[in-house]
Every structure is written in structure tokens, then in C-alpha cells.
Amino acid sequence: MAGEPQDDCLFCKIVDGSIPATIVRETGTTVAFRDINPQAPTHVLVIPKAHHRDAAALAAAAPELAADVLRETQSVADEEKLESYRIVFNTGSGAGQTVWHAHAHVLGGRGLEWPPG
């Protein structure tokens, strides 16, 4: 069910503390942690604590929570002292989503080419 923790979800396990992560920020509704396979000098994931399959499902079911996630990307960028950065939501396997829990990538600390690869 949307919003409920999933036993087989890596990010739900990070939220509940059963899998460690390098957490950089936490609010009542979100957790931000360093990506284990960084694609830029700063690569932080911002996730809702509630489980939603992807960004589209999150926005449809809980728009306020989607806004919390997006707001936290700015807080991460501020703490990381990023003057410019990219926010990426991969939605679906064809877009590169590998963990089926909505999450935003905050990427910065180097030039980011366009179009992305």
C-alpha cells in the first residue's frame, strides 16, 4: 500500500535504520543521504520516509510530501555550498530507476553537461 514501509525496499530499510547510510539531513518527512555510487563530487539522495514507488506516484498520492522532498533538495544544496546543481528524479527502469522508492538525486560540485547521458 502506498505510504507504508515495504519489507523488500532498500530505502525503507535506510529510513528505519536497519541498513546504514551516511545521512546528511533528516526531517520529519524526509531523509537525505550520500549515494554509494556518486556520479558527481556531491551526490545526495533525498527520499520521503513514506514509501511511494516513484516520483509520479508520490506526486499523485502525496503532493505535500513531494514538495517536502523538493524543498529538502535546496537545503542539501545550501549545506553542501553548491552554487548550482541538478535535481534528477528517475521514473521507471528505462530512465535508470533501480530502487522502487521515490527519490531525488542532488548532483553538483562539477560542470554538468546537457543533454544528460
Protein backbone atom coordinates (compact mmCIF):
# COMPACT_ATOMS: atom_id res chain seq x y z
CA MET A 1 0.00 0.00 0.00
CA ALA A 2 1.24 3.50 -0.86
CA GLY A 3 2.97 5.22 2.01
CA GLU A 4 3.50 2.02 4.01
CA PRO A 5 7.03 0.64 4.54
CA GLN A 6 7.92 -2.25 2.26
CA ASP A 7 9.93 -5.17 3.67
CA ASP A 8 11.90 -5.59 0.44
CA CYS A 9 12.74 -1.89 -0.10
CA LEU A 10 16.34 -0.76 0.42
CA PHE A 11 15.32 2.84 1.12
CA CYS A 12 12.60 1.82 3.61
CA LYS A 13 15.33 -0.07 5.45
CA ILE A 14 17.53 3.06 5.47
CA VAL A 15 14.59 5.03 6.87
CA ASP A 16 14.04 2.51 9.69
CA GLY A 17 17.79 2.29 10.42
CA SER A 18 18.23 -1.39 9.61
CA ILE A 19 20.61 -0.53 6.75
CA PRO A 20 23.25 2.13 7.44
CA ALA A 21 23.70 5.21 5.27
CA THR A 22 25.69 8.41 5.50
CA ILE A 23 22.79 10.68 6.42
CA VAL A 24 23.36 14.39 5.80
CA ARG A 25 19.87 15.70 6.71
CA GLU A 26 16.68 14.38 8.22
CA THR A 27 13.29 15.98 8.75
CA GLY A 28 10.01 14.60 9.99
CA THR A 29 9.12 13.51 6.44
CA THR A 30 12.43 13.07 4.57
CA VAL A 31 15.92 11.61 4.78
CA ALA A 32 18.91 12.77 2.74
CA PHE A 33 21.99 10.57 2.42
CA ARG A 34 25.10 10.22 0.25
CA ASP A 35 24.81 7.97 -2.80
CA ILE A 36 27.05 4.90 -2.54
CA ASN A 37 27.96 5.24 -6.23
CA PRO A 38 28.41 9.02 -6.64
CA GLN A 39 28.23 10.49 -10.12
CA ALA A 40 29.49 13.93 -9.04
CA PRO A 41 31.53 15.31 -6.12
CA THR A 42 28.23 15.95 -4.36
CA HIS A 43 25.64 13.22 -4.93
CA VAL A 44 22.97 13.07 -2.26
CA LEU A 45 19.64 11.26 -2.41
CA VAL A 46 16.58 12.86 -0.83
CA ILE A 47 13.77 10.41 -0.11
CA PRO A 48 10.39 10.60 1.55
CA LYS A 49 10.17 8.48 4.68
CA ALA A 50 6.85 7.13 3.39
CA HIS A 51 7.16 4.57 0.61
CA HIS A 52 5.96 5.62 -2.85
CA ARG A 53 7.11 3.69 -5.91
CA ASP A 54 8.40 6.63 -7.94
CA ALA A 55 8.16 10.41 -8.32
CA ALA A 56 4.93 10.24 -10.31
CA ALA A 57 3.23 8.05 -7.70
CA LEU A 58 4.49 10.32 -4.92
CA ALA A 59 3.18 13.46 -6.62
CA ALA A 60 -0.23 11.87 -7.25
CA ALA A 61 -0.70 10.38 -3.77
CA ALA A 62 1.04 12.95 -1.57
CA PRO A 63 1.78 16.28 -3.26
CA GLU A 64 2.72 17.92 0.06
CA LEU A 65 5.29 15.21 0.65
CA ALA A 66 6.63 15.65 -2.89
CA ALA A 67 7.06 19.34 -2.07
CA ASP A 68 8.94 18.39 1.13
CA VAL A 69 11.35 16.28 -0.92
CA LEU A 70 11.92 19.10 -3.38
CA ARG A 71 12.34 21.65 -0.59
CA GLU A 72 14.97 19.43 1.03
CA THR A 73 17.00 19.32 -2.19
CA GLN A 74 17.56 23.07 -1.72
CA SER A 75 18.56 22.55 1.92
CA VAL A 76 21.08 19.89 0.85
CA ALA A 77 22.48 22.22 -1.82
CA ASP A 78 22.79 25.03 0.72
CA GLU A 79 24.59 22.82 3.25
CA GLU A 80 26.89 21.47 0.54
CA LYS A 81 27.59 25.07 -0.58
CA LEU A 82 26.52 24.35 -4.16
CA GLU A 83 26.03 27.46 -6.28
CA SER A 84 24.44 25.36 -9.00
CA TYR A 85 23.22 21.79 -9.00
CA ARG A 86 20.95 19.34 -10.75
CA ILE A 87 17.93 17.55 -9.31
CA VAL A 88 17.09 14.25 -11.01
CA PHE A 89 14.08 12.01 -10.47
CA ASN A 90 14.43 8.76 -12.43
CA THR A 91 10.99 7.27 -13.00
CA GLY A 92 10.93 3.77 -14.48
CA SER A 93 13.65 1.32 -15.38
CA GLY A 94 14.15 2.87 -18.84
CA ALA A 95 15.11 6.12 -17.11
CA GLY A 96 17.55 4.37 -14.79
CA GLN A 97 15.43 3.85 -11.68
CA THR A 98 16.84 0.86 -9.79
CA VAL A 99 15.30 1.36 -6.34
CA TRP A 100 11.50 1.44 -6.39
CA HIS A 101 11.11 4.13 -3.72
CA ALA A 102 10.75 7.73 -4.91
CA HIS A 103 13.98 9.69 -4.59
CA ALA A 104 15.64 12.84 -5.86
CA HIS A 105 19.32 12.92 -6.76
CA VAL A 106 21.10 16.17 -5.88
CA LEU A 107 24.19 16.40 -8.09
CA GLY A 108 26.78 19.18 -8.02
CA GLY A 109 30.36 20.17 -7.46
CA ARG A 110 31.37 19.88 -11.12
CA GLY A 111 30.11 21.02 -14.51
CA LEU A 112 27.07 19.05 -15.61
CA GLU A 113 26.67 18.60 -19.35
CA TRP A 114 23.43 18.95 -21.30
CA PRO A 115 21.84 16.89 -22.54
CA PRO A 116 22.43 14.39 -19.76
CA GLY A 117 23.71 10.98 -20.77
